[in-house]
Amino acid sequence: MRILLALVLIGLTVAGFATGSIDTFAEETTAGTGAIVAPLAAIPRSETCLSPADLREAVADKRVIAPVAAIRAARQVIPRAEIQRARLCRNDETLVYLLTALRRDGQFVHVVVDATTGQVSGP
């Protein structure tokens, strides 16, 4: 009986994600900084992201800041979240770090940091 209930709940969850009634990206405004975590529309597509070798080359050429600096900037916006992933992506004409963080409430959020200035980008 428990297995049947679990399967029904999983099916309803998958159906909710598929229809868009459950959102997978959280938007939040932090009280201290006033910065806004990026909504879905501001997040670059994954095929525009650079490879790890290209990332190392861009950092070595000093075209972008180091990933550690982008992580520090993101931690100021969402201080108690754990950074899970950092990617360097093209967004229009600029390069940005797309950071995926796990908040303590279990929600994933995305933070976009300008790769040249280190500033957290708004939506």
Protein backbone atom coordinates (compact mmCIF):
# COMPACT_ATOMS: atom_id res chain seq x y z
CA MET A 1 0.00 0.00 0.00
CA ARG A 2 2.85 2.38 0.83
CA ILE A 3 4.52 1.64 -2.49
CA LEU A 4 1.31 2.41 -4.37
CA LEU A 5 0.91 5.71 -2.50
CA ALA A 6 4.54 6.62 -3.22
CA LEU A 7 4.09 5.86 -6.93
CA VAL A 8 0.95 8.01 -7.09
CA LEU A 9 2.74 10.92 -5.38
CA ILE A 10 5.71 10.62 -7.73
CA GLY A 11 3.38 10.54 -10.73
CA LEU A 12 1.54 13.65 -9.55
CA THR A 13 4.82 15.45 -8.96
CA VAL A 14 6.12 14.58 -12.43
CA ALA A 15 2.81 15.68 -13.95
CA GLY A 16 3.03 18.97 -12.05
CA PHE A 17 6.52 19.67 -13.38
CA ALA A 18 5.50 18.69 -16.92
CA THR A 19 2.47 20.98 -16.99
CA GLY A 20 4.34 23.88 -15.40
CA SER A 21 2.11 24.12 -12.35
CA ILE A 22 5.14 23.42 -10.15
CA ASP A 23 8.05 25.79 -10.75
CA THR A 24 11.57 24.38 -10.54
CA PHE A 25 13.37 27.70 -10.05
CA ALA A 26 12.83 29.83 -6.97
CA GLU A 27 12.88 33.61 -6.99
CA GLU A 28 13.72 35.34 -3.78
CA THR A 29 14.67 38.77 -2.60
CA THR A 30 17.12 38.92 0.25
CA ALA A 31 16.39 41.45 2.94
CA GLY A 32 19.94 42.61 3.58
CA THR A 33 21.20 43.28 0.07
CA GLY A 34 18.09 43.86 -2.00
CA ALA A 35 19.58 41.70 -4.76
CA ILE A 36 17.26 39.42 -6.68
CA VAL A 37 18.10 35.84 -7.54
CA ALA A 38 17.72 35.30 -11.29
CA PRO A 39 14.37 34.09 -12.66
CA LEU A 40 14.09 31.46 -15.37
CA ALA A 41 14.08 33.98 -18.25
CA ALA A 42 17.47 35.44 -17.25
CA ILE A 43 19.25 32.09 -17.09
CA PRO A 44 21.41 31.30 -20.14
CA ARG A 45 20.87 28.02 -21.94
CA SER A 46 23.39 25.29 -21.14
CA GLU A 47 24.66 25.04 -24.73
CA THR A 48 26.02 28.59 -24.45
CA CYS A 49 28.28 27.62 -21.55
CA LEU A 50 32.02 27.29 -21.96
CA SER A 51 33.96 24.10 -21.41
CA PRO A 52 36.22 23.74 -18.37
CA ALA A 53 39.28 24.25 -20.61
CA ASP A 54 37.83 27.48 -22.01
CA LEU A 55 37.04 28.61 -18.46
CA ARG A 56 40.64 28.05 -17.38
CA GLU A 57 41.91 29.91 -20.45
CA ALA A 58 39.61 32.90 -19.84
CA VAL A 59 40.71 33.12 -16.19
CA ALA A 60 44.39 32.79 -17.15
CA ASP A 61 44.02 35.56 -19.74
CA LYS A 62 42.32 37.70 -17.05
CA ARG A 63 39.22 38.19 -19.22
CA VAL A 64 37.01 37.03 -16.32
CA ILE A 65 37.26 36.78 -12.56
CA ALA A 66 38.06 33.46 -10.91
CA PRO A 67 35.12 31.19 -10.05
CA VAL A 68 35.94 31.58 -6.35
CA ALA A 69 35.25 35.33 -6.56
CA ALA A 70 31.87 34.64 -8.22
CA ILE A 71 31.02 32.18 -5.46
CA ARG A 72 31.90 34.80 -2.83
CA ALA A 73 29.59 37.31 -4.53
CA ALA A 74 26.76 34.75 -4.62
CA ARG A 75 27.22 33.94 -0.95
CA GLN A 76 26.60 37.59 -0.09
CA VAL A 77 23.20 37.33 -1.78
CA ILE A 78 22.23 33.92 -0.37
CA PRO A 79 24.50 33.51 2.66
CA ARG A 80 23.32 30.17 4.04
CA ALA A 81 22.99 28.37 0.71
CA GLU A 82 25.42 25.73 -0.46
CA ILE A 83 26.84 26.34 -3.94
CA GLN A 84 26.36 23.16 -5.97
CA ARG A 85 27.58 24.18 -9.43
CA ALA A 86 29.34 27.08 -11.16
CA ARG A 87 29.41 27.48 -14.95
CA LEU A 88 30.77 30.23 -17.19
CA CYS A 89 28.21 31.02 -19.89
CA ARG A 90 27.64 33.53 -22.65
CA ASN A 91 24.68 35.83 -22.09
CA ASP A 92 24.14 38.14 -25.07
CA GLU A 93 27.52 39.82 -25.57
CA THR A 94 28.90 39.21 -22.07
CA LEU A 95 30.18 36.32 -20.01
CA VAL A 96 28.40 35.44 -16.76
CA TYR A 97 28.82 32.83 -14.07
CA LEU A 98 25.69 30.77 -13.56
CA LEU A 99 25.74 29.44 -10.01
CA THR A 100 23.32 26.83 -8.74
CA ALA A 101 22.82 26.89 -4.98
CA LEU A 102 20.86 24.71 -2.58
CA ARG A 103 19.08 26.68 0.13
CA ARG A 104 18.49 25.25 3.58
CA ASP A 105 14.79 24.85 2.83
CA GLY A 106 15.71 22.39 0.06
CA GLN A 107 15.07 24.65 -2.94
CA PHE A 108 17.57 25.21 -5.72
CA VAL A 109 18.16 28.80 -6.80
CA HIS A 110 20.24 30.24 -9.61
CA VAL A 111 22.43 33.27 -9.20
CA VAL A 112 23.90 35.10 -12.20
CA VAL A 113 27.20 36.90 -11.58
CA ASP A 114 28.85 39.15 -14.18
CA ALA A 115 32.15 37.44 -14.99
CA THR A 116 34.06 40.65 -15.68
CA THR A 117 32.96 42.76 -12.71
CA GLY A 118 31.90 40.19 -10.12
CA GLN A 119 28.57 41.92 -9.53
CA VAL A 120 25.42 39.87 -9.00
CA SER A 121 23.12 40.53 -11.97
CA GLY A 122 19.45 41.29 -11.47
CA PRO A 123 16.64 39.83 -13.58
